[in-house]
């Protein structure tokens, strides 16, 4: 795969130049007595161009500074929704092998009957936290877990020494309450026990506070630490302090199409995508000009809160960085930042439906313009702005277009030899665990660990890209597959085949060169049928090897969330069943309305 293209002052250097400039490489760092700390930061539902260093108008100075201290990946792919991505991130194992092929809220009963479709991380995989802990690291987690809530599934039993964890797919950012009626409560846990959030809670601030607390609890004992900080930002409900929202008032008044074009131009200028990259307009993106002035103002405010939440996250990451500098740990810390999937596109004009308002009100939420993003407010961005968040990519969360799978990833640290560089080499979420192991000098496990058989890591260390000894770790014949809820994709060299179904898909396999055409605008399946057939064969092998189960033709993830909530949370209680149906109906209508545009 192509290694990259010019970025002006951030031009990708050749491996020869990089090697000659190495003063202290990651490999030599891992072999010294002072092993590096690792800080793994995961945003939630952050789009491909939502960072300033990737082309965004959002102010993210901390992450920009980290990008200048390391390498930014422009061809990195994760899963299309949260739990599968998080399982692969922490284990290096395919999501179907770890028991998390989908979030449990979306798995249909006919699949849930199989053990590898539980939606919770099985004990046939070992987390990177366990491996680091066994190698002498302190291990901490503060943030969203979503890989199982039973006592043996919580992070305190999966290698993390100190934890404060949200068990569900999301929750409110201002108080301890669920964000959708599919949950009875917001399940937070600390060190394996149920936990009550403080009164002054705001998620991004709180998670960094706890991370600092955990790091300080063992300061000075000579042992390195691994801190995993999976933020709630910018998962729904999108919420932020007023001071941040004020900074984005008026920024989005020209609408999502203008923003998508502006971000494309900046991404080209920065070298994030190649010059001349085309992009498509998603069918779910309505015309901005067809909205009334009041509707435009409301949608612009929603996006202003989104930008504010991203900036607030960046500010609190900055607090963590500043703290590590103040205690003398920054120079020995390697940061990895990414997102679990692309942007969420739920926010279809909730305010125009009385029924939607009533459903949200039943959860204690308002959708009033004046309080959007504040405590008691429910906010989400429209599919138009979700597409802008992924500009110039197509699709978003839950779908396997590039907008759902391709996200930012930054690996940075004072000790790294490579600085301020881009890599367009193929990289995948399963590569993060083997990369951390390589950076820390910890061996990958064999087929057995802790007295039990385990699934082997399939990811590859990105260390050769980080230390400049290689331009790629995947060759043109290496294939990487992914499946989610009947959608399918396979990457091989510069090419990708993709099958999207449901409300936004067309149920056809398509072939794209995602290096020259990251926006997936030119389907090559007719022009290059041999490549398509070759990759379809590799995908079918992937399906067989991972025992991937089909979904029914009428499966829709929006409906399945509702049905699973009715059955799994409330069982056979008919009265509660009917009441919950009334509460969930607005959310189903919100999702369904996306297919009308």
Protein backbone atom coordinates (compact mmCIF):
# COMPACT_ATOMS: atom_id res chain seq x y z
CA UNK A 1 0.00 0.00 0.00
CA UNK A 2 1.17 3.53 -0.66
CA UNK A 3 3.04 4.94 2.30
CA UNK A 4 1.79 8.50 2.14
CA UNK A 5 1.95 11.82 0.31
CA UNK A 6 3.45 15.25 0.95
CA UNK A 7 2.10 17.27 3.84
CA UNK A 8 4.33 20.33 3.49
CA UNK A 9 6.14 20.67 6.83
CA UNK A 10 4.69 17.33 7.95
CA UNK A 11 5.95 15.41 4.91
CA UNK A 12 6.33 11.69 5.49
CA UNK A 13 10.04 10.87 5.71
CA UNK A 14 11.50 7.76 4.14
CA UNK A 15 12.56 4.95 6.43
CA UNK A 16 16.22 5.52 5.51
CA UNK A 17 16.13 9.13 6.68
CA UNK A 18 14.19 8.18 9.79
CA UNK A 19 16.58 5.42 10.76
CA UNK A 20 19.55 7.72 10.35
CA UNK A 21 17.90 10.28 12.63
CA UNK A 22 17.01 7.87 15.42
CA UNK A 23 18.41 8.90 18.75
CA UNK A 24 16.18 6.74 20.89
CA UNK A 25 13.78 4.40 19.13
CA UNK A 26 10.75 2.70 20.62
CA UNK A 27 12.45 -0.65 20.39
CA UNK A 28 15.47 0.44 22.37
CA UNK A 29 13.21 2.20 24.86
CA UNK A 30 11.29 -1.01 25.53
CA UNK A 31 14.52 -2.82 26.28
CA UNK A 32 15.80 -0.36 28.86
CA UNK A 33 15.16 -0.78 32.57
CA UNK A 34 12.78 2.19 32.51
CA UNK A 35 9.90 0.76 30.54
CA UNK A 36 7.48 3.33 29.05
CA UNK A 37 4.12 4.21 30.52
CA UNK A 38 1.24 3.75 28.08
CA UNK A 39 -1.81 6.03 28.01
CA UNK A 40 -4.50 4.62 25.70
CA UNK A 41 -7.22 7.23 25.06
CA UNK A 42 -10.40 6.26 23.22
CA UNK A 43 -13.01 8.75 22.05
CA UNK A 44 -16.54 7.49 21.45
CA UNK A 45 -18.21 8.06 18.05
CA UNK A 46 -15.58 10.59 16.89
CA UNK A 47 -15.51 11.17 13.13
CA UNK A 48 -12.48 10.96 10.82
CA UNK A 49 -11.99 14.73 10.52
CA UNK A 50 -13.15 15.80 13.98
CA UNK A 51 -9.63 16.76 15.12
CA UNK A 52 -7.86 19.95 14.01
CA UNK A 53 -4.85 17.92 12.89
CA UNK A 54 -7.16 15.91 10.60
CA UNK A 55 -8.95 18.92 9.11
CA UNK A 56 -11.48 20.04 11.71
CA UNK A 57 -12.48 23.54 12.71
CA UNK A 58 -12.83 22.23 16.29
CA UNK A 59 -10.13 23.53 18.63
CA UNK A 60 -8.10 20.51 19.80
CA UNK A 61 -4.68 21.90 20.80
CA UNK A 62 -3.70 19.00 23.06
CA UNK A 63 -4.22 16.38 20.39
CA UNK A 64 -2.56 18.63 17.80
CA UNK A 65 0.50 18.82 20.06
CA UNK A 66 0.49 15.03 20.47
CA UNK A 67 0.29 14.64 16.68
CA UNK A 68 3.39 16.82 16.45
CA UNK A 69 5.13 14.51 18.92
CA UNK A 70 4.53 11.35 16.91
CA UNK A 71 2.76 9.75 13.99
CA UNK A 72 -0.82 10.19 12.75
CA UNK A 73 -2.42 7.34 10.84
CA UNK A 74 -4.68 8.25 7.93
CA UNK A 75 -5.65 4.70 6.88
CA UNK A 76 -6.53 3.19 10.26
CA UNK A 77 -9.74 1.15 10.58
CA UNK A 78 -11.73 0.04 13.59
CA UNK A 79 -15.13 -1.64 14.02
CA UNK A 80 -18.40 0.07 13.13
CA UNK A 81 -19.84 0.13 16.65
CA UNK A 82 -18.51 0.22 20.17
CA UNK A 83 -18.28 -3.19 21.87
CA UNK A 84 -16.71 -5.12 18.96
CA UNK A 85 -14.15 -2.34 18.52
CA UNK A 86 -13.29 -2.28 22.21
CA UNK A 87 -12.86 -6.06 22.38
CA UNK A 88 -10.52 -6.02 19.37
CA UNK A 89 -8.64 -3.00 20.72
CA UNK A 90 -7.90 -4.65 24.07
CA UNK A 91 -7.11 -8.17 22.81
CA UNK A 92 -5.86 -8.03 19.21
CA UNK A 93 -8.40 -10.78 18.40
CA UNK A 94 -11.26 -10.65 15.87
CA UNK A 95 -14.56 -9.65 17.48
CA UNK A 96 -16.28 -12.91 16.44
CA UNK A 97 -13.61 -14.92 18.24
CA UNK A 98 -13.93 -12.98 21.48
CA UNK A 99 -17.72 -13.28 21.82
CA UNK A 100 -18.41 -9.66 20.79
CA UNK A 101 -19.49 -9.70 17.12
CA UNK A 102 -22.00 -6.95 17.92
CA UNK A 103 -23.20 -4.94 20.88
CA UNK A 104 -25.53 -7.13 22.97
CA UNK A 105 -28.32 -4.60 22.53
CA UNK A 106 -28.42 -5.41 18.79
CA UNK A 107 -27.94 -9.21 18.70
CA UNK A 108 -31.08 -11.12 17.57
CA UNK A 109 -32.21 -14.13 19.65
CA UNK A 110 -31.33 -16.65 16.94
CA UNK A 111 -27.70 -15.52 17.13
CA UNK A 112 -27.59 -14.99 20.89
CA UNK A 113 -28.20 -18.71 21.36
CA UNK A 114 -24.56 -19.28 20.31
CA UNK A 115 -21.78 -18.75 22.84
CA UNK A 116 -19.62 -16.68 20.49
CA UNK A 117 -22.53 -14.26 20.01
CA UNK A 118 -23.01 -13.28 23.64
CA UNK A 119 -21.98 -9.66 23.09
CA UNK A 120 -19.69 -9.85 26.11
CA UNK A 121 -15.96 -10.55 26.08
CA UNK A 122 -15.22 -14.22 26.67
CA UNK A 123 -12.47 -15.74 28.79
CA UNK A 124 -10.95 -17.29 25.70
CA UNK A 125 -9.10 -14.01 25.14
CA UNK A 126 -6.54 -12.16 27.27
CA UNK A 127 -6.58 -8.38 27.52
CA UNK A 128 -3.49 -6.27 27.04
CA UNK A 129 -4.08 -5.07 30.61
CA UNK A 130 -3.66 -8.62 31.93
CA UNK A 131 -0.46 -9.10 29.95
CA UNK A 132 0.98 -5.80 31.17
CA UNK A 133 -0.11 -6.39 34.75
CA UNK A 134 1.58 -9.79 34.75
CA UNK A 135 4.70 -8.08 33.41
CA UNK A 136 4.83 -5.68 36.37
CA UNK A 137 2.74 -2.76 35.14
CA UNK A 138 0.14 -0.90 37.16
CA UNK A 139 -3.07 -0.96 35.12
CA UNK A 140 -5.90 1.56 35.34
CA UNK A 141 -9.22 2.14 33.60
CA UNK A 142 -11.51 5.17 33.87
CA UNK A 143 -14.39 5.29 31.41
CA UNK A 144 -16.77 3.24 29.31
CA UNK A 145 -16.31 -0.54 29.36
CA UNK A 146 -19.37 -2.11 27.60
CA UNK A 147 -17.87 -5.61 27.49
CA UNK A 148 -19.92 -7.29 30.20
CA UNK A 149 -21.42 -6.41 33.58
CA UNK A 150 -21.30 -9.70 35.49
CA UNK A 151 -18.64 -9.83 38.24
CA UNK A 152 -16.24 -11.97 36.22
CA UNK A 153 -16.61 -9.73 33.14
CA UNK A 154 -15.90 -6.37 34.74
CA UNK A 155 -12.51 -4.75 34.03
CA UNK A 156 -11.40 -5.38 37.61
CA UNK A 157 -11.34 -9.08 36.64
CA UNK A 158 -9.81 -8.51 33.21
CA UNK A 159 -6.40 -7.19 34.18
CA UNK A 160 -7.15 -3.71 35.53
CA UNK A 161 -5.84 -2.96 39.01
CA UNK A 162 -7.95 0.17 39.63
CA UNK A 163 -11.16 0.95 37.77
CA UNK A 164 -14.16 3.20 37.54
CA UNK A 165 -16.21 1.92 34.62
CA UNK A 166 -19.52 2.48 32.84
CA UNK A 167 -20.93 -0.90 31.93
CA UNK A 168 -23.56 0.19 29.39
CA UNK A 169 -23.28 1.52 25.84
CA UNK A 170 -23.62 5.05 27.13
CA UNK A 171 -25.12 7.26 29.79
CA UNK A 172 -25.74 10.87 30.68
CA UNK A 173 -22.67 13.10 30.99
CA UNK A 174 -24.00 15.31 33.79
CA UNK A 175 -25.65 12.87 36.18
CA UNK A 176 -26.07 9.19 36.92
CA UNK A 177 -28.98 8.26 34.71
CA UNK A 178 -29.47 6.15 31.57
CA UNK A 179 -29.68 7.95 28.25
CA UNK A 180 -32.29 5.58 26.75
CA UNK A 181 -35.10 3.55 28.35
CA UNK A 182 -33.40 0.30 27.30
CA UNK A 183 -31.58 0.54 30.64
CA UNK A 184 -33.09 0.64 34.11
CA UNK A 185 -30.16 2.64 35.45
CA UNK A 186 -26.68 3.88 34.54
CA UNK A 187 -24.41 1.09 35.74
CA UNK A 188 -21.13 2.47 37.06
CA UNK A 189 -18.61 0.27 38.86
CA UNK A 190 -15.47 1.02 40.85
CA UNK A 191 -13.01 -1.81 41.44
CA UNK A 192 -15.78 -4.33 40.80
CA UNK A 193 -18.44 -2.77 43.04
CA UNK A 194 -21.44 -0.60 42.17
CA UNK A 195 -20.49 3.05 42.28
CA UNK A 196 -22.31 6.32 42.87
CA UNK A 197 -21.14 9.28 40.82
CA UNK A 198 -20.35 12.59 42.56
CA UNK A 199 -22.83 15.46 42.44
CA UNK A 200 -20.50 17.68 40.38
CA UNK A 201 -20.02 15.02 37.70
CA UNK A 202 -19.17 15.88 34.10
CA UNK A 203 -17.88 12.84 32.29
CA UNK A 204 -14.69 14.13 30.61
CA UNK A 205 -13.51 15.99 33.70
CA UNK A 206 -14.36 13.10 36.02
CA UNK A 207 -12.58 10.44 33.95
CA UNK A 208 -9.37 12.45 33.83
CA UNK A 209 -9.64 13.19 37.57
CA UNK A 210 -9.87 9.47 38.29
CA UNK A 211 -7.01 8.65 35.91
CA UNK A 212 -4.79 11.16 37.71
CA UNK A 213 -5.88 9.76 41.07
CA UNK A 214 -5.00 6.21 40.02
CA UNK A 215 -1.62 7.23 38.60
CA UNK A 216 -0.75 9.17 41.76
CA UNK A 217 -1.77 6.30 44.02
CA UNK A 218 1.38 4.37 43.10
CA UNK A 219 3.66 7.25 42.19
CA UNK A 220 7.29 6.77 42.99
CA UNK A 221 7.29 2.99 43.36
CA UNK A 222 9.40 2.54 40.23
CA UNK A 223 6.81 0.59 38.25
CA UNK A 224 5.40 1.82 34.92
CA UNK A 225 1.67 2.16 34.33
CA UNK A 226 -0.90 1.47 31.63
CA UNK A 227 -3.85 3.90 31.79
CA UNK A 228 -6.87 3.25 29.58
CA UNK A 229 -9.17 6.29 29.30
CA UNK A 230 -12.26 5.53 27.16
CA UNK A 231 -14.25 8.79 27.13
CA UNK A 232 -18.00 9.14 26.77
CA UNK A 233 -17.40 12.01 24.35
CA UNK A 234 -19.00 12.33 21.83
CA UNK A 235 -21.54 9.54 22.29
CA UNK A 236 -25.18 10.56 22.68
CA UNK A 237 -26.43 12.44 24.57
CA UNK A 238 -24.03 15.07 23.19
CA UNK A 239 -23.50 17.46 26.10
CA UNK A 240 -20.93 20.07 27.08
CA UNK A 241 -20.39 22.98 29.48
CA UNK A 242 -21.87 26.29 28.34
CA UNK A 243 -18.47 28.00 28.16
CA UNK A 244 -17.43 25.58 25.41
CA UNK A 245 -20.75 25.76 23.59
CA UNK A 246 -20.45 29.56 23.39
CA UNK A 247 -17.24 29.22 21.36
CA UNK A 248 -19.11 27.45 18.54
CA UNK A 249 -22.18 29.66 18.33
CA UNK A 250 -22.57 30.61 14.67
CA UNK A 251 -19.76 28.36 13.45
CA UNK A 252 -22.13 25.91 11.76
CA UNK A 253 -24.72 28.33 10.40
CA UNK A 254 -23.80 27.51 6.79
CA UNK A 255 -24.84 23.88 7.29
CA UNK A 256 -23.49 20.38 6.84
CA UNK A 257 -22.72 20.48 3.11
CA UNK A 258 -20.54 23.56 3.48
CA UNK A 259 -18.81 22.03 6.49
CA UNK A 260 -18.16 18.78 4.63
CA UNK A 261 -16.52 20.70 1.79
CA UNK A 262 -14.46 22.88 4.13
CA UNK A 263 -13.14 19.86 5.99
CA UNK A 264 -12.24 18.12 2.75
CA UNK A 265 -10.20 21.13 1.66
CA UNK A 266 -8.33 21.25 4.97
CA UNK A 267 -7.77 17.48 4.99
CA UNK A 268 -6.21 17.73 1.52
CA UNK A 269 -4.03 20.65 2.60
CA UNK A 270 -2.82 18.69 5.63
CA UNK A 271 -2.12 15.55 3.61
CA UNK A 272 -4.79 13.50 5.39
CA UNK A 273 -6.36 12.54 2.04
CA UNK A 274 -4.85 12.86 -1.45
CA UNK A 275 -5.33 15.91 -3.64
CA UNK A 276 -8.48 15.65 -5.73
CA UNK A 277 -10.25 13.23 -3.39
CA UNK A 278 -13.91 13.17 -4.45
CA UNK A 279 -16.83 12.59 -2.13
CA UNK A 280 -20.47 11.62 -2.40
CA UNK A 281 -23.51 13.12 -0.74
CA UNK A 282 -25.27 10.53 1.38
CA UNK A 283 -28.95 9.93 0.65
CA UNK A 284 -29.60 10.62 4.35
CA UNK A 285 -28.27 14.19 4.02
CA UNK A 286 -31.20 16.56 3.43
CA UNK A 287 -30.82 19.90 1.70
CA UNK A 288 -29.77 22.57 4.18
CA UNK A 289 -31.59 25.19 2.12
CA UNK A 290 -34.86 23.29 2.46
CA UNK A 291 -34.83 23.81 6.22
CA UNK A 292 -36.59 26.78 7.76
CA UNK A 293 -34.41 29.41 9.50
CA UNK A 294 -35.54 28.02 12.85
CA UNK A 295 -34.60 24.46 11.83
CA UNK A 296 -31.21 25.63 10.58
CA UNK A 297 -30.52 27.41 13.85
CA UNK A 298 -31.47 24.33 15.84
CA UNK A 299 -29.28 21.96 13.80
CA UNK A 300 -26.37 24.41 13.94
CA UNK A 301 -26.73 24.58 17.72
CA UNK A 302 -26.69 20.79 17.95
CA UNK A 303 -23.40 20.71 16.06
CA UNK A 304 -22.06 23.54 18.20
CA UNK A 305 -22.59 21.36 21.26
CA UNK A 306 -20.83 18.49 19.45
CA UNK A 307 -17.81 20.69 18.72
CA UNK A 308 -17.87 21.89 22.31
CA UNK A 309 -17.86 18.33 23.65
CA UNK A 310 -14.86 17.44 21.50
CA UNK A 311 -12.97 20.51 22.69
CA UNK A 312 -13.87 19.81 26.32
CA UNK A 313 -12.47 16.29 25.93
CA UNK A 314 -9.28 17.72 24.44
CA UNK A 315 -8.98 20.19 27.33
CA UNK A 316 -9.19 17.43 29.92
CA UNK A 317 -6.70 15.28 28.00
CA UNK A 318 -4.49 18.36 28.28
CA UNK A 319 -4.90 18.28 32.05
CA UNK A 320 -3.69 14.68 32.09
CA UNK A 321 -0.70 15.56 29.90
CA UNK A 322 0.14 18.55 32.11
CA UNK A 323 -0.05 16.38 35.22
CA UNK A 324 2.32 13.82 33.76
CA UNK A 325 4.74 16.63 32.99
CA UNK A 326 4.45 17.99 36.53
CA UNK A 327 5.31 14.62 38.11
CA UNK A 328 8.15 13.87 35.71
CA UNK A 329 6.41 11.03 33.83
CA UNK A 330 5.65 12.73 30.51
CA UNK A 331 9.00 12.02 28.87
CA UNK A 332 8.57 8.32 29.62
CA UNK A 333 4.95 8.07 28.43
CA UNK A 334 3.64 6.95 25.05
CA UNK A 335 0.14 8.12 24.12
CA UNK A 336 -2.22 6.30 21.77
CA UNK A 337 -5.40 8.16 20.80
CA UNK A 338 -8.24 6.93 18.59
CA UNK A 339 -12.01 6.48 18.33
CA UNK A 340 -14.09 3.32 18.60
CA UNK A 341 -16.01 4.02 15.35
CA UNK A 342 -17.26 6.83 13.17
CA UNK A 343 -19.81 9.49 14.06
CA UNK A 344 -23.33 8.62 15.25
CA UNK A 345 -26.16 9.95 13.06
CA UNK A 346 -29.18 9.61 15.33
CA UNK A 347 -30.32 13.22 15.57
CA UNK A 348 -33.18 13.50 13.11
CA UNK A 349 -35.28 16.56 13.98
CA UNK A 350 -36.42 15.27 17.37
CA UNK A 351 -37.92 18.62 18.26
CA UNK A 352 -40.59 18.43 15.54
CA UNK A 353 -42.40 15.42 16.98
CA UNK A 354 -44.61 15.61 20.05
CA UNK A 355 -44.23 11.85 20.51
CA UNK A 356 -40.44 12.13 20.42
CA UNK A 357 -40.55 14.92 22.98
CA UNK A 358 -42.73 12.81 25.26
CA UNK A 359 -40.39 9.83 25.02
CA UNK A 360 -37.41 11.98 25.95
CA UNK A 361 -39.33 13.76 28.68
CA UNK A 362 -40.07 10.38 30.26
CA UNK A 363 -36.28 10.04 30.69
CA UNK A 364 -36.06 13.48 32.25
CA UNK A 365 -34.74 15.13 29.09
CA UNK A 366 -35.56 18.36 27.33
CA UNK A 367 -34.77 19.19 23.69
CA UNK A 368 -35.22 22.95 24.07
CA UNK A 369 -32.90 25.12 21.99
CA UNK A 370 -31.73 27.35 24.86
CA UNK A 371 -30.47 24.48 27.02
CA UNK A 372 -29.10 22.13 24.37
CA UNK A 373 -26.11 20.26 25.76
CA UNK A 374 -26.64 21.29 29.35
CA UNK A 375 -27.78 19.17 32.29
CA UNK A 376 -31.19 17.67 31.54
CA UNK A 377 -30.81 18.13 27.78
CA UNK A 378 -30.81 15.39 25.16
CA UNK A 379 -28.78 16.21 22.07
CA UNK A 380 -27.57 14.34 18.99
CA UNK A 381 -26.36 15.46 15.58
CA UNK A 382 -28.23 15.04 12.31
CA UNK A 383 -26.99 12.55 9.65
CA UNK A 384 -25.90 15.57 7.61
CA UNK A 385 -23.46 16.71 10.27
CA UNK A 386 -22.42 13.09 10.95
CA UNK A 387 -21.34 12.90 7.31
CA UNK A 388 -19.48 16.18 7.72
CA UNK A 389 -17.73 14.75 10.79
CA UNK A 390 -16.38 11.97 8.55
CA UNK A 391 -15.62 14.17 5.51
CA UNK A 392 -14.83 13.15 2.81
CA UNK A 393 -15.82 9.61 3.74
CA UNK A 394 -19.19 7.96 3.12
CA UNK A 395 -21.50 6.51 5.82
CA UNK A 396 -21.12 6.65 9.58
CA UNK A 397 -21.52 4.46 12.69
CA UNK A 398 -23.19 1.03 12.24
CA UNK A 399 -22.29 0.89 8.52
CA UNK A 400 -19.09 -0.36 6.90
CA UNK A 401 -18.45 2.54 4.59
CA UNK A 402 -15.21 4.37 5.37
CA UNK A 403 -17.10 6.90 7.50
CA UNK A 404 -18.09 4.13 9.90
CA UNK A 405 -14.70 2.39 10.02
CA UNK A 406 -11.89 4.89 9.31
CA UNK A 407 -11.05 7.10 12.29
CA UNK A 408 -8.06 9.11 13.53
CA UNK A 409 -5.22 7.39 15.37
CA UNK A 410 -2.23 9.15 16.89
CA UNK A 411 0.75 7.44 18.54
CA UNK A 412 3.00 9.96 20.25
CA UNK A 413 5.60 10.40 22.92
CA UNK A 414 8.70 12.41 23.72
CA UNK A 415 10.81 9.23 23.48
CA UNK A 416 9.68 8.37 19.96
CA UNK A 417 12.17 9.07 17.19
CA UNK A 418 9.50 9.90 14.62
CA UNK A 419 7.89 13.33 15.00
CA UNK A 420 5.13 15.25 13.26
CA UNK A 421 4.59 12.59 10.59
CA UNK A 422 1.76 10.94 8.71
CA UNK A 423 1.40 7.33 7.68
CA UNK A 424 -1.04 6.11 5.06
CA UNK A 425 -0.08 2.49 5.73
CA UNK A 426 -2.91 0.07 6.45
CA UNK A 427 -3.55 -0.31 10.16
CA UNK A 428 -6.38 -1.92 12.12
CA UNK A 429 -7.81 -1.91 15.60
CA UNK A 430 -6.41 -5.41 16.24
CA UNK A 431 -2.93 -3.93 15.78
CA UNK A 432 -3.11 -1.79 18.92
CA UNK A 433 -2.52 -4.59 21.45
CA UNK A 434 0.52 -6.08 19.66
CA UNK A 435 1.88 -2.55 19.22
CA UNK A 436 1.60 -1.86 22.95
CA UNK A 437 3.29 -5.18 23.70
CA UNK A 438 6.13 -4.28 21.33
CA UNK A 439 6.53 -0.82 22.82
CA UNK A 440 6.75 -2.24 26.33
CA UNK A 441 8.86 -5.30 25.52
CA UNK A 442 6.14 -7.70 26.73
CA UNK A 443 5.84 -10.99 24.86
CA UNK A 444 2.65 -11.93 23.06
CA UNK A 445 0.92 -14.95 24.59
CA UNK A 446 1.02 -18.34 22.93
CA UNK A 447 -2.03 -20.57 22.49
CA UNK A 448 -2.31 -20.98 26.27
CA UNK A 449 -2.25 -18.36 29.02
CA UNK A 450 -3.06 -18.64 32.70
CA UNK A 451 -3.68 -22.36 32.32
CA UNK A 452 -6.32 -22.06 29.60
CA UNK A 453 -6.53 -22.11 25.83
CA UNK A 454 -6.83 -18.65 24.30
CA UNK A 455 -7.45 -17.18 20.89
CA UNK A 456 -4.27 -16.03 19.15
CA UNK A 457 -3.64 -12.36 18.44
CA UNK A 458 -4.21 -11.67 14.74
CA UNK A 459 -3.09 -8.02 14.73
CA UNK A 460 0.39 -6.86 13.82
CA UNK A 461 2.74 -4.56 15.67
CA UNK A 462 2.96 -1.10 14.13
CA UNK A 463 6.39 -0.57 15.66
CA UNK A 464 8.14 -0.77 12.26
CA UNK A 465 6.04 2.22 11.15
CA UNK A 466 6.72 4.08 14.38
CA UNK A 467 10.48 3.62 14.38
CA UNK A 468 10.74 4.16 10.63
CA UNK A 469 12.13 0.75 9.76
CA UNK A 470 9.29 -0.04 7.32
CA UNK A 471 6.66 1.71 5.23
CA UNK A 472 4.02 -0.98 5.76
CA UNK A 473 3.28 -3.98 7.96
CA UNK A 474 0.63 -5.43 5.62
CA UNK A 475 1.48 -6.59 2.12
CA UNK A 476 -0.71 -6.34 -0.98
CA UNK A 477 -1.94 -9.92 -0.56
CA UNK A 478 -2.76 -9.70 3.16
CA UNK A 479 -6.52 -9.66 3.78
CA UNK A 480 -8.34 -8.28 6.83
CA UNK A 481 -12.08 -8.89 7.14
CA UNK A 482 -14.84 -7.41 9.27
CA UNK A 483 -18.54 -8.23 9.68
CA UNK A 484 -21.26 -6.51 11.66
CA UNK A 485 -24.96 -7.38 11.66
CA UNK A 486 -24.91 -8.64 8.08
CA UNK A 487 -22.70 -5.86 6.72
CA UNK A 488 -19.37 -7.08 5.36
CA UNK A 489 -16.00 -5.62 4.39
CA UNK A 490 -12.57 -6.90 3.47
CA UNK A 491 -9.35 -4.93 3.00
CA UNK A 492 -6.50 -6.14 0.80
CA UNK A 493 -3.69 -3.88 -0.32
CA UNK A 494 -5.12 -0.63 -1.65
CA UNK A 495 -8.52 -2.24 -2.17
CA UNK A 496 -11.65 -2.74 -0.13
CA UNK A 497 -14.85 -4.63 -0.85
CA UNK A 498 -17.92 -3.61 1.12
CA UNK A 499 -21.52 -4.77 1.52
CA UNK A 500 -23.95 -2.45 3.33
CA UNK A 501 -27.53 -3.48 4.04
CA UNK A 502 -30.37 -1.95 6.03
CA UNK A 503 -31.85 1.53 5.80
CA UNK A 504 -28.75 3.10 4.21
CA UNK A 505 -27.30 0.14 2.28
CA UNK A 506 -28.09 -1.22 -1.16
CA UNK A 507 -27.28 -4.91 -0.51
CA UNK A 508 -24.56 -5.05 -3.20
CA UNK A 509 -20.88 -5.89 -2.98
CA UNK A 510 -18.77 -2.98 -4.21
CA UNK A 511 -15.04 -2.60 -4.83
CA UNK A 512 -13.04 0.56 -4.13
CA UNK A 513 -9.43 1.70 -4.15
CA UNK A 514 -9.54 3.45 -0.78
CA UNK A 515 -6.05 4.92 -1.11
CA UNK A 516 -6.82 7.05 -4.18
CA UNK A 517 -10.58 7.18 -3.48
CA UNK A 518 -11.15 7.24 0.30
CA UNK A 519 -14.64 8.68 -0.25
CA UNK A 520 -15.69 5.45 -2.05
CA UNK A 521 -17.08 7.31 -5.04
CA UNK A 522 -15.90 5.04 -7.88
CA UNK A 523 -17.12 1.44 -7.71
CA UNK A 524 -14.54 -0.70 -9.53
CA UNK A 525 -16.44 -3.98 -9.43
CA UNK A 526 -17.41 -3.87 -13.12
CA UNK A 527 -14.03 -2.59 -14.31
CA UNK A 528 -12.01 -5.06 -12.21
CA UNK A 529 -14.16 -8.18 -11.73
CA UNK A 530 -11.13 -10.41 -11.10
CA UNK A 531 -10.12 -8.34 -8.06
CA UNK A 532 -13.70 -8.39 -6.80
CA UNK A 533 -13.95 -12.17 -7.10
CA UNK A 534 -10.58 -12.70 -5.47
CA UNK A 535 -11.58 -10.60 -2.49
CA UNK A 536 -15.05 -12.15 -2.26
CA UNK A 537 -13.35 -15.52 -1.97
CA UNK A 538 -11.13 -14.22 0.81
CA UNK A 539 -14.17 -12.77 2.58
CA UNK A 540 -16.02 -16.07 2.44
CA UNK A 541 -12.97 -17.73 3.96
CA UNK A 542 -13.04 -15.11 6.71
CA UNK A 543 -16.72 -15.90 7.36
CA UNK A 544 -15.99 -19.63 7.57
CA UNK A 545 -12.89 -19.28 9.73
CA UNK A 546 -14.73 -17.12 12.27
CA UNK A 547 -18.07 -18.98 12.26
CA UNK A 548 -19.96 -15.83 11.33
CA UNK A 549 -23.73 -16.27 11.53
CA UNK A 550 -26.12 -14.69 9.02
CA UNK A 551 -28.91 -12.29 9.91
CA UNK A 552 -32.44 -12.54 8.56
CA UNK A 553 -33.39 -10.47 5.53
CA UNK A 554 -35.69 -8.29 7.61
CA UNK A 555 -33.14 -7.64 10.39
CA UNK A 556 -32.73 -3.96 11.27
CA UNK A 557 -30.50 -2.96 14.14
CA UNK A 558 -32.84 -0.09 15.11
CA UNK A 559 -35.76 -2.48 15.71
CA UNK A 560 -33.60 -5.09 17.41
CA UNK A 561 -32.53 -2.64 20.09
CA UNK A 562 -36.18 -2.06 20.97
CA UNK A 563 -37.12 -5.75 20.96
CA UNK A 564 -34.09 -6.76 23.06
CA UNK A 565 -34.91 -4.09 25.60
CA UNK A 566 -38.50 -5.29 25.88
CA UNK A 567 -37.50 -8.93 26.27
CA UNK A 568 -34.22 -8.84 28.17
CA UNK A 569 -34.84 -5.95 30.52
CA UNK A 570 -38.54 -6.32 31.29
CA UNK A 571 -39.27 -9.95 30.51
CA UNK A 572 -42.92 -11.00 30.48
CA UNK A 573 -44.39 -8.15 32.52
CA UNK A 574 -47.06 -7.06 30.03
CA UNK A 575 -47.88 -3.72 31.64
CA UNK A 576 -44.27 -2.60 31.79
CA UNK A 577 -43.79 -4.07 28.32
CA UNK A 578 -46.51 -1.80 26.89
CA UNK A 579 -45.32 1.27 28.75
CA UNK A 580 -41.76 0.72 27.58
CA UNK A 581 -42.98 0.24 24.02
CA UNK A 582 -44.53 3.70 24.16
CA UNK A 583 -41.28 5.13 25.53
CA UNK A 584 -39.09 3.43 22.93
CA UNK A 585 -41.29 4.17 19.94
CA UNK A 586 -39.93 7.70 19.50
CA UNK A 587 -36.37 6.40 19.32
CA UNK A 588 -37.35 3.81 16.74
CA UNK A 589 -39.03 6.56 14.72
CA UNK A 590 -35.92 8.71 14.93
CA UNK A 591 -33.82 5.91 13.49
CA UNK A 592 -36.41 4.95 10.90
CA UNK A 593 -36.72 8.51 9.64
CA UNK A 594 -33.12 8.37 8.44
CA UNK A 595 -34.19 6.08 5.61
CA UNK A 596 -36.54 8.73 4.22
CA UNK A 597 -33.75 11.06 3.17
